[in-house]
């Protein structure tokens, strides 16, 4: 297990993929020594590390980060006197969602899973219709319509809506067909409950049913958009159903697709270049506000028995809700950017500079530790990915304090 942990630290420290990680460790003497892999032993297979990452989950990684912080307090001179808290968006590994693109992904995925299920059910007649060609034709028609620059192209909006409606119709037919075929696959040779099916059949059937549910949701979204109705809890990817559209008011990226994570950095002082340890990130489904995630961060501080004297926050925090959430910690001073607060002007400038360092820390994590985009699908996968990035940063910080 210590070899696995050290491998993941290297992966997030250098931004390597699993195959690149194994190749680099295998060819390097000092990386083998760091990972505790003798020369006469083989490096673990990349699939083993990938599956372990999924199986362990985010809570195990959070415990590792807590252990590093506790070890730093116990064995070094680190004392958490201040904390700065800010949120960021961790992008999901998805492309920009469009109605036709989601419909095409749904049709292709349903056809692929249907073929895999049919291969498992040898000796039965399970017909799987692939409508991806028809949907692909309509997606290309949308592209041609948007590229036109003649007077006729001014009616491209209505033409595009009609083509999107046709793609949604094809996807709806494919989803309904998947429901019927799934019920057919459930009827086993030895009873209505499907007893006697080969191993893996039920997992394939369950996955096919989940994909059919997502396809139906995409059809509903397209229908609502064409009717001008609001869409709540929008699905932006067939492959990552937990990702959501998030708007943070950025000029370069008005809308991002992924997850919101709140990061809290504990530092020994508020000087320039202060560096500390990151708590396990706080998150919630959708697009939560700063104060919605703050109670989780406070709970992490209480769990580690930390009571920083000064707290620096972004301007997105509300004064009253923040004071209520931070009441268990009883900090001496709470600074919220852009809000009037008691204290001298010199103290306000010092905390303002200290708070700005949270933006630099987030940028550092995205550039050097892989926090820009999660390569694991789903909310649990994203939390695991973010947890390993935070743990790799904490280990590097501990090396500077030790």
Protein backbone atom coordinates (compact mmCIF):
# COMPACT_ATOMS: atom_id res chain seq x y z
CA UNK A 1 0.00 0.00 0.00
CA UNK A 2 2.87 2.42 0.68
CA UNK A 3 4.09 1.77 -2.87
CA UNK A 4 0.64 2.64 -4.21
CA UNK A 5 0.48 5.89 -2.20
CA UNK A 6 3.94 6.96 -3.38
CA UNK A 7 3.00 6.18 -6.98
CA UNK A 8 -0.09 8.41 -6.74
CA UNK A 9 1.98 11.23 -5.23
CA UNK A 10 4.32 11.06 -8.23
CA UNK A 11 1.39 10.95 -10.64
CA UNK A 12 -0.17 14.17 -9.31
CA UNK A 13 3.17 15.85 -8.69
CA UNK A 14 4.26 15.53 -12.31
CA UNK A 15 0.91 15.23 -14.11
CA UNK A 16 1.63 11.80 -15.60
CA UNK A 17 -0.93 9.31 -16.85
CA UNK A 18 -1.00 5.80 -15.46
CA UNK A 19 0.98 4.25 -18.30
CA UNK A 20 3.53 7.08 -18.30
CA UNK A 21 3.86 6.78 -14.52
CA UNK A 22 4.71 3.08 -14.70
CA UNK A 23 7.15 3.62 -17.54
CA UNK A 24 8.99 6.44 -15.78
CA UNK A 25 9.19 4.59 -12.45
CA UNK A 26 10.38 1.43 -14.17
CA UNK A 27 13.24 3.27 -15.92
CA UNK A 28 14.40 5.40 -12.99
CA UNK A 29 16.52 4.20 -10.08
CA UNK A 30 15.68 7.10 -7.75
CA UNK A 31 11.93 6.83 -8.47
CA UNK A 32 12.08 3.09 -7.75
CA UNK A 33 13.81 3.88 -4.49
CA UNK A 34 11.17 6.50 -3.63
CA UNK A 35 8.35 4.04 -4.34
CA UNK A 36 10.10 1.21 -2.43
CA UNK A 37 10.26 -1.09 -5.47
CA UNK A 38 13.42 -3.28 -5.55
CA UNK A 39 15.30 -3.73 -8.80
CA UNK A 40 14.44 -7.42 -9.00
CA UNK A 41 10.67 -6.75 -8.75
CA UNK A 42 8.31 -5.61 -11.46
CA UNK A 43 6.50 -2.30 -11.33
CA UNK A 44 2.74 -2.77 -10.70
CA UNK A 45 0.54 -2.83 -13.76
CA UNK A 46 -1.20 0.43 -14.58
CA UNK A 47 -4.64 -1.23 -14.48
CA UNK A 48 -4.01 -2.32 -10.87
CA UNK A 49 -3.27 1.25 -9.77
CA UNK A 50 -6.23 2.61 -11.71
CA UNK A 51 -8.68 0.14 -10.15
CA UNK A 52 -7.31 0.72 -6.65
CA UNK A 53 -7.86 4.46 -7.06
CA UNK A 54 -11.52 3.85 -7.81
CA UNK A 55 -11.96 1.24 -5.10
CA UNK A 56 -10.41 3.18 -2.22
CA UNK A 57 -12.61 6.24 -2.76
CA UNK A 58 -12.30 9.82 -1.51
CA UNK A 59 -12.64 9.18 2.23
CA UNK A 60 -9.42 7.18 2.37
CA UNK A 61 -7.53 10.01 0.66
CA UNK A 62 -9.06 12.55 3.06
CA UNK A 63 -7.80 10.50 6.00
CA UNK A 64 -4.31 10.55 4.51
CA UNK A 65 -4.39 14.36 4.27
CA UNK A 66 -5.59 14.61 7.88
CA UNK A 67 -2.75 12.32 8.95
CA UNK A 68 -0.17 14.54 7.22
CA UNK A 69 -1.51 17.67 8.96
CA UNK A 70 -1.54 15.92 12.35
CA UNK A 71 2.01 14.66 11.79
CA UNK A 72 3.17 18.17 10.87
CA UNK A 73 1.71 19.58 14.09
CA UNK A 74 3.19 16.78 16.17
CA UNK A 75 6.68 16.48 14.70
CA UNK A 76 7.47 19.90 13.22
CA UNK A 77 7.10 23.50 14.34
CA UNK A 78 3.95 24.05 12.32
CA UNK A 79 1.12 25.87 14.14
CA UNK A 80 -2.01 26.90 12.26
CA UNK A 81 -2.45 30.56 13.18
CA UNK A 82 -4.39 31.66 10.08
CA UNK A 83 -6.58 30.13 7.38
CA UNK A 84 -7.70 31.39 3.99
CA UNK A 85 -10.72 29.86 2.28
CA UNK A 86 -11.81 30.09 -1.35
CA UNK A 87 -13.70 27.95 -3.87
CA UNK A 88 -12.80 26.87 -7.36
CA UNK A 89 -14.27 24.82 -10.19
CA UNK A 90 -12.68 21.48 -11.03
CA UNK A 91 -13.66 20.82 -14.64
CA UNK A 92 -15.09 17.47 -15.64
CA UNK A 93 -13.46 15.58 -18.48
CA UNK A 94 -16.27 16.38 -20.95
CA UNK A 95 -16.60 18.36 -24.14
CA UNK A 96 -18.86 21.36 -24.56
CA UNK A 97 -22.44 19.99 -24.42
CA UNK A 98 -24.87 20.55 -27.29
CA UNK A 99 -28.29 19.01 -27.86
CA UNK A 100 -27.23 17.15 -30.98
CA UNK A 101 -23.93 16.09 -29.42
CA UNK A 102 -25.64 14.63 -26.34
CA UNK A 103 -28.15 12.83 -28.57
CA UNK A 104 -25.35 11.36 -30.67
CA UNK A 105 -23.42 10.22 -27.58
CA UNK A 106 -26.56 8.61 -26.15
CA UNK A 107 -27.36 6.68 -29.33
CA UNK A 108 -23.80 5.43 -29.82
CA UNK A 109 -23.40 4.42 -26.17
CA UNK A 110 -26.71 2.54 -26.08
CA UNK A 111 -25.80 0.67 -29.26
CA UNK A 112 -22.37 -0.28 -27.90
CA UNK A 113 -23.74 -1.52 -24.56
CA UNK A 114 -26.46 -3.43 -26.39
CA UNK A 115 -23.89 -5.26 -28.50
CA UNK A 116 -21.89 -6.15 -25.40
CA UNK A 117 -24.99 -7.47 -23.67
CA UNK A 118 -25.91 -9.52 -26.73
CA UNK A 119 -22.42 -11.05 -26.73
CA UNK A 120 -23.00 -12.12 -23.11
CA UNK A 121 -26.38 -13.65 -23.96
CA UNK A 122 -25.21 -16.22 -26.48
CA UNK A 123 -27.97 -18.44 -27.76
CA UNK A 124 -30.72 -15.79 -27.45
CA UNK A 125 -32.18 -13.44 -30.02
CA UNK A 126 -31.55 -9.89 -28.77
CA UNK A 127 -31.92 -7.42 -31.62
CA UNK A 128 -30.01 -4.16 -31.18
CA UNK A 129 -30.71 -1.33 -33.61
CA UNK A 130 -27.93 1.20 -34.13
CA UNK A 131 -29.37 4.64 -34.96
CA UNK A 132 -26.04 6.47 -34.66
CA UNK A 133 -25.79 6.88 -38.43
CA UNK A 134 -29.09 8.75 -38.61
CA UNK A 135 -28.18 10.99 -35.68
CA UNK A 136 -24.72 11.64 -37.13
CA UNK A 137 -26.34 12.82 -40.35
CA UNK A 138 -28.37 15.37 -38.41
CA UNK A 139 -25.36 16.56 -36.41
CA UNK A 140 -23.45 17.22 -39.62
CA UNK A 141 -26.49 19.03 -41.02
CA UNK A 142 -26.37 21.40 -38.04
CA UNK A 143 -22.71 22.09 -38.71
CA UNK A 144 -23.40 22.90 -42.36
CA UNK A 145 -26.27 25.19 -41.37
CA UNK A 146 -24.13 27.14 -38.88
CA UNK A 147 -21.31 27.56 -41.42
CA UNK A 148 -23.51 29.23 -44.03
CA UNK A 149 -23.09 32.96 -44.49
CA UNK A 150 -25.80 33.64 -47.08
CA UNK A 151 -29.13 35.31 -46.52
CA UNK A 152 -30.75 31.90 -46.15
CA UNK A 153 -28.56 31.19 -43.14
CA UNK A 154 -30.53 33.73 -41.13
CA UNK A 155 -33.17 31.07 -40.78
CA UNK A 156 -30.57 28.68 -39.41
CA UNK A 157 -32.04 28.94 -35.90
CA UNK A 158 -35.32 27.32 -36.91
CA UNK A 159 -33.48 24.77 -39.06
CA UNK A 160 -31.13 23.90 -36.21
CA UNK A 161 -34.04 23.51 -33.78
CA UNK A 162 -35.81 21.21 -36.20
CA UNK A 163 -32.70 19.08 -36.65
CA UNK A 164 -32.19 18.92 -32.87
CA UNK A 165 -35.79 17.79 -32.51
CA UNK A 166 -35.20 15.01 -35.04
CA UNK A 167 -32.06 13.88 -33.19
CA UNK A 168 -34.01 13.86 -29.93
CA UNK A 169 -36.73 11.76 -31.59
CA UNK A 170 -34.13 9.21 -32.71
CA UNK A 171 -32.63 9.10 -29.22
CA UNK A 172 -36.08 8.66 -27.67
CA UNK A 173 -36.78 5.72 -29.97
CA UNK A 174 -33.43 4.19 -29.08
CA UNK A 175 -34.06 4.67 -25.35
CA UNK A 176 -37.49 3.07 -25.51
CA UNK A 177 -36.05 0.19 -27.53
CA UNK A 178 -33.31 -0.25 -24.89
CA UNK A 179 -35.95 -0.47 -22.16
CA UNK A 180 -37.80 -3.21 -24.04
CA UNK A 181 -34.64 -5.14 -24.88
CA UNK A 182 -33.48 -4.86 -21.28
CA UNK A 183 -36.72 -6.43 -20.11
CA UNK A 184 -36.25 -9.16 -22.73
CA UNK A 185 -32.70 -9.80 -21.48
CA UNK A 186 -34.06 -10.09 -17.93
CA UNK A 187 -36.14 -13.13 -18.76
CA UNK A 188 -33.85 -16.07 -18.03
CA UNK A 189 -33.90 -19.60 -19.32
CA UNK A 190 -34.84 -20.89 -15.85
CA UNK A 191 -37.51 -18.52 -14.63
CA UNK A 192 -38.79 -14.99 -14.95
CA UNK A 193 -36.15 -13.64 -12.58
CA UNK A 194 -33.40 -14.49 -15.06
CA UNK A 195 -31.73 -17.29 -13.14
CA UNK A 196 -29.07 -19.08 -15.08
CA UNK A 197 -27.71 -16.08 -16.98
CA UNK A 198 -23.92 -15.99 -17.54
CA UNK A 199 -21.67 -13.97 -15.17
CA UNK A 200 -21.55 -10.26 -15.97
CA UNK A 201 -24.95 -10.27 -17.66
CA UNK A 202 -26.69 -8.43 -14.84
CA UNK A 203 -24.02 -5.78 -14.63
CA UNK A 204 -24.34 -5.13 -18.37
CA UNK A 205 -28.09 -5.03 -18.13
CA UNK A 206 -27.99 -2.58 -15.21
CA UNK A 207 -25.57 -0.31 -17.08
CA UNK A 208 -27.83 -0.43 -20.14
CA UNK A 209 -30.78 0.62 -18.00
CA UNK A 210 -28.86 3.57 -16.51
CA UNK A 211 -27.84 4.76 -19.97
CA UNK A 212 -31.45 4.51 -21.13
CA UNK A 213 -32.49 6.71 -18.19
CA UNK A 214 -29.89 9.33 -19.13
CA UNK A 215 -31.05 9.21 -22.75
CA UNK A 216 -34.61 9.90 -21.66
CA UNK A 217 -33.39 12.85 -19.59
CA UNK A 218 -31.57 14.29 -22.61
CA UNK A 219 -34.74 13.94 -24.70
CA UNK A 220 -36.68 15.79 -22.01
CA UNK A 221 -34.06 18.58 -21.91
CA UNK A 222 -34.20 19.08 -25.68
CA UNK A 223 -38.00 19.15 -25.63
CA UNK A 224 -38.03 21.76 -22.84
CA UNK A 225 -35.48 23.94 -24.61
CA UNK A 226 -37.43 23.87 -27.87
CA UNK A 227 -40.59 24.77 -25.94
CA UNK A 228 -38.82 27.64 -24.15
CA UNK A 229 -39.23 26.07 -20.69
CA UNK A 230 -36.57 26.33 -17.95
CA UNK A 231 -34.36 23.28 -17.35
CA UNK A 232 -33.40 22.33 -13.80
CA UNK A 233 -30.57 19.95 -12.94
CA UNK A 234 -29.26 19.92 -16.51
CA UNK A 235 -27.35 16.87 -17.74
CA UNK A 236 -24.21 17.96 -19.61
CA UNK A 237 -22.63 14.58 -20.38
CA UNK A 238 -23.80 11.02 -20.97
CA UNK A 239 -20.53 9.69 -19.55
CA UNK A 240 -20.30 11.97 -16.47
CA UNK A 241 -23.88 12.45 -15.26
CA UNK A 242 -22.88 14.27 -12.05
CA UNK A 243 -21.14 17.20 -13.78
CA UNK A 244 -23.13 20.44 -13.84
CA UNK A 245 -22.85 23.84 -15.59
CA UNK A 246 -21.30 26.41 -13.27
CA UNK A 247 -21.15 30.17 -13.81
CA UNK A 248 -18.61 32.12 -11.74
CA UNK A 249 -18.59 35.40 -13.68
CA UNK A 250 -15.25 34.79 -15.43
CA UNK A 251 -14.70 36.63 -18.70
CA UNK A 252 -12.55 33.91 -20.24
CA UNK A 253 -14.87 31.06 -19.18
CA UNK A 254 -18.41 32.33 -18.54
CA UNK A 255 -19.67 28.77 -18.07
CA UNK A 256 -17.64 25.83 -16.78
CA UNK A 257 -18.78 22.22 -16.55
CA UNK A 258 -17.70 20.27 -13.51
CA UNK A 259 -17.75 20.51 -9.72
CA UNK A 260 -17.24 23.18 -7.05
CA UNK A 261 -14.59 22.52 -4.39
CA UNK A 262 -13.87 24.74 -1.39
CA UNK A 263 -10.20 24.79 -0.38
CA UNK A 264 -8.89 25.96 3.01
CA UNK A 265 -5.16 26.54 3.51
CA UNK A 266 -3.74 26.59 7.04
CA UNK A 267 -0.62 28.73 7.41
CA UNK A 268 1.68 29.59 10.36
CA UNK A 269 1.50 33.33 9.59
CA UNK A 270 0.08 35.87 7.12
CA UNK A 271 3.37 37.05 5.60
CA UNK A 272 4.06 37.22 1.89
CA UNK A 273 4.69 33.79 0.42
CA UNK A 274 3.11 31.99 3.39
CA UNK A 275 2.66 28.31 2.64
CA UNK A 276 0.73 25.79 4.67
CA UNK A 277 -1.39 22.66 4.50
CA UNK A 278 -4.70 22.16 2.74
CA UNK A 279 -7.70 20.62 4.46
CA UNK A 280 -9.66 17.89 2.65
CA UNK A 281 -11.83 19.88 0.20
CA UNK A 282 -15.53 20.52 0.86
CA UNK A 283 -17.99 19.94 -1.97
CA UNK A 284 -21.69 19.52 -2.72
CA UNK A 285 -23.69 18.57 -5.84
CA UNK A 286 -24.56 21.28 -8.33
CA UNK A 287 -23.37 24.87 -7.94
CA UNK A 288 -23.33 25.54 -4.16
CA UNK A 289 -22.51 28.94 -2.72
CA UNK A 290 -19.57 29.75 -0.50
CA UNK A 291 -21.60 29.71 2.72
CA UNK A 292 -23.19 26.35 1.83
CA UNK A 293 -19.75 24.69 1.90
CA UNK A 294 -18.34 26.63 4.85
CA UNK A 295 -19.91 24.38 7.58
CA UNK A 296 -18.07 21.37 6.09
CA UNK A 297 -14.78 23.26 6.25
CA UNK A 298 -15.44 24.27 9.86
CA UNK A 299 -16.23 20.64 10.70
CA UNK A 300 -12.84 19.61 9.27
CA UNK A 301 -11.10 22.20 11.45
CA UNK A 302 -12.93 20.96 14.53
CA UNK A 303 -12.09 17.36 13.65
CA UNK A 304 -8.38 18.23 13.62
CA UNK A 305 -8.79 20.41 16.75
CA UNK A 306 -7.57 23.51 14.97
CA UNK A 307 -8.64 27.02 15.94
CA UNK A 308 -6.86 29.61 13.77
CA UNK A 309 -6.83 33.13 15.15
CA UNK A 310 -7.42 34.84 11.78
CA UNK A 311 -9.73 33.82 8.92
CA UNK A 312 -9.50 35.43 5.46
CA UNK A 313 -12.40 34.89 3.06
CA UNK A 314 -13.47 35.80 -0.45
CA UNK A 315 -16.08 38.45 -1.14
CA UNK A 316 -18.64 35.78 -1.96
CA UNK A 317 -19.19 35.01 1.74
CA UNK A 318 -22.11 36.62 3.55
CA UNK A 319 -21.30 38.35 6.83
CA UNK A 320 -24.09 36.98 9.03
CA UNK A 321 -24.01 33.40 7.72
CA UNK A 322 -20.21 33.36 7.97
CA UNK A 323 -20.26 34.54 11.59
CA UNK A 324 -22.72 31.79 12.50
CA UNK A 325 -20.66 29.09 10.77
CA UNK A 326 -17.36 30.23 12.34
CA UNK A 327 -18.84 30.57 15.86
CA UNK A 328 -17.49 27.15 17.05
CA UNK A 329 -13.92 28.25 16.19
CA UNK A 330 -14.15 31.67 17.92
CA UNK A 331 -11.51 33.37 15.73
CA UNK A 332 -10.08 36.69 16.86
CA UNK A 333 -10.46 38.30 13.46
CA UNK A 334 -12.54 37.47 10.34
CA UNK A 335 -11.73 39.31 7.12
CA UNK A 336 -14.12 39.23 4.14
CA UNK A 337 -12.87 40.96 1.00
CA UNK A 338 -14.85 44.09 0.17
CA UNK A 339 -16.68 44.22 3.53
CA UNK A 340 -16.17 46.71 6.34
CA UNK A 341 -14.53 45.13 9.40
CA UNK A 342 -13.11 46.39 12.69
CA UNK A 343 -9.39 46.87 12.97
CA UNK A 344 -6.68 49.21 11.78
CA UNK A 345 -6.11 49.99 8.12
CA UNK A 346 -2.74 48.29 8.28
CA UNK A 347 -4.34 45.05 9.51
CA UNK A 348 -6.94 45.19 6.76
CA UNK A 349 -4.26 45.59 4.09
CA UNK A 350 -2.26 42.71 5.56
CA UNK A 351 -5.25 40.35 5.54
CA UNK A 352 -6.27 41.50 2.07
CA UNK A 353 -2.82 40.56 0.73
CA UNK A 354 -3.00 37.29 2.60
CA UNK A 355 -6.41 36.44 1.14
CA UNK A 356 -5.22 37.10 -2.42
CA UNK A 357 -2.68 34.32 -1.87
CA UNK A 358 -5.57 31.82 -2.00
CA UNK A 359 -5.96 32.62 -5.71
CA UNK A 360 -2.29 31.90 -6.27
CA UNK A 361 -2.52 28.65 -4.34
CA UNK A 362 -5.45 27.49 -6.48
CA UNK A 363 -3.52 28.38 -9.63
CA UNK A 364 -0.51 26.44 -8.31
CA UNK A 365 -2.67 23.37 -7.68
CA UNK A 366 -4.15 23.54 -11.16
CA UNK A 367 -0.81 24.01 -12.90
CA UNK A 368 1.33 21.60 -10.90
CA UNK A 369 -0.95 19.04 -9.25
CA UNK A 370 -3.66 18.27 -11.82
CA UNK A 371 -6.54 20.16 -10.23
CA UNK A 372 -7.51 21.86 -13.49
CA UNK A 373 -9.51 18.90 -14.78
CA UNK A 374 -10.61 15.66 -13.15
CA UNK A 375 -9.81 12.60 -15.24
CA UNK A 376 -12.09 10.38 -13.13
CA UNK A 377 -15.80 10.26 -13.96
CA UNK A 378 -18.62 10.95 -11.51
CA UNK A 379 -18.74 12.93 -8.28
CA UNK A 380 -16.95 10.21 -6.29
CA UNK A 381 -14.24 10.01 -8.92
CA UNK A 382 -13.79 13.79 -8.93
CA UNK A 383 -13.54 13.88 -5.14
CA UNK A 384 -10.88 11.15 -5.26
CA UNK A 385 -8.94 13.05 -7.93
CA UNK A 386 -9.08 16.31 -5.97
CA UNK A 387 -8.17 14.51 -2.75
CA UNK A 388 -5.02 13.02 -4.29
CA UNK A 389 -4.01 16.42 -5.67
CA UNK A 390 -4.38 17.96 -2.20
CA UNK A 391 -2.50 15.08 -0.58
CA UNK A 392 0.41 15.38 -3.03
CA UNK A 393 0.62 19.11 -2.26
CA UNK A 394 0.54 18.46 1.51
CA UNK A 395 3.33 15.87 1.25
CA UNK A 396 5.48 18.34 -0.69
CA UNK A 397 4.77 21.03 1.93
CA UNK A 398 5.64 18.66 4.77
CA UNK A 399 9.03 18.07 3.18
CA UNK A 400 9.74 21.80 3.49
CA UNK A 401 8.75 21.93 7.16
CA UNK A 402 10.54 18.72 8.18
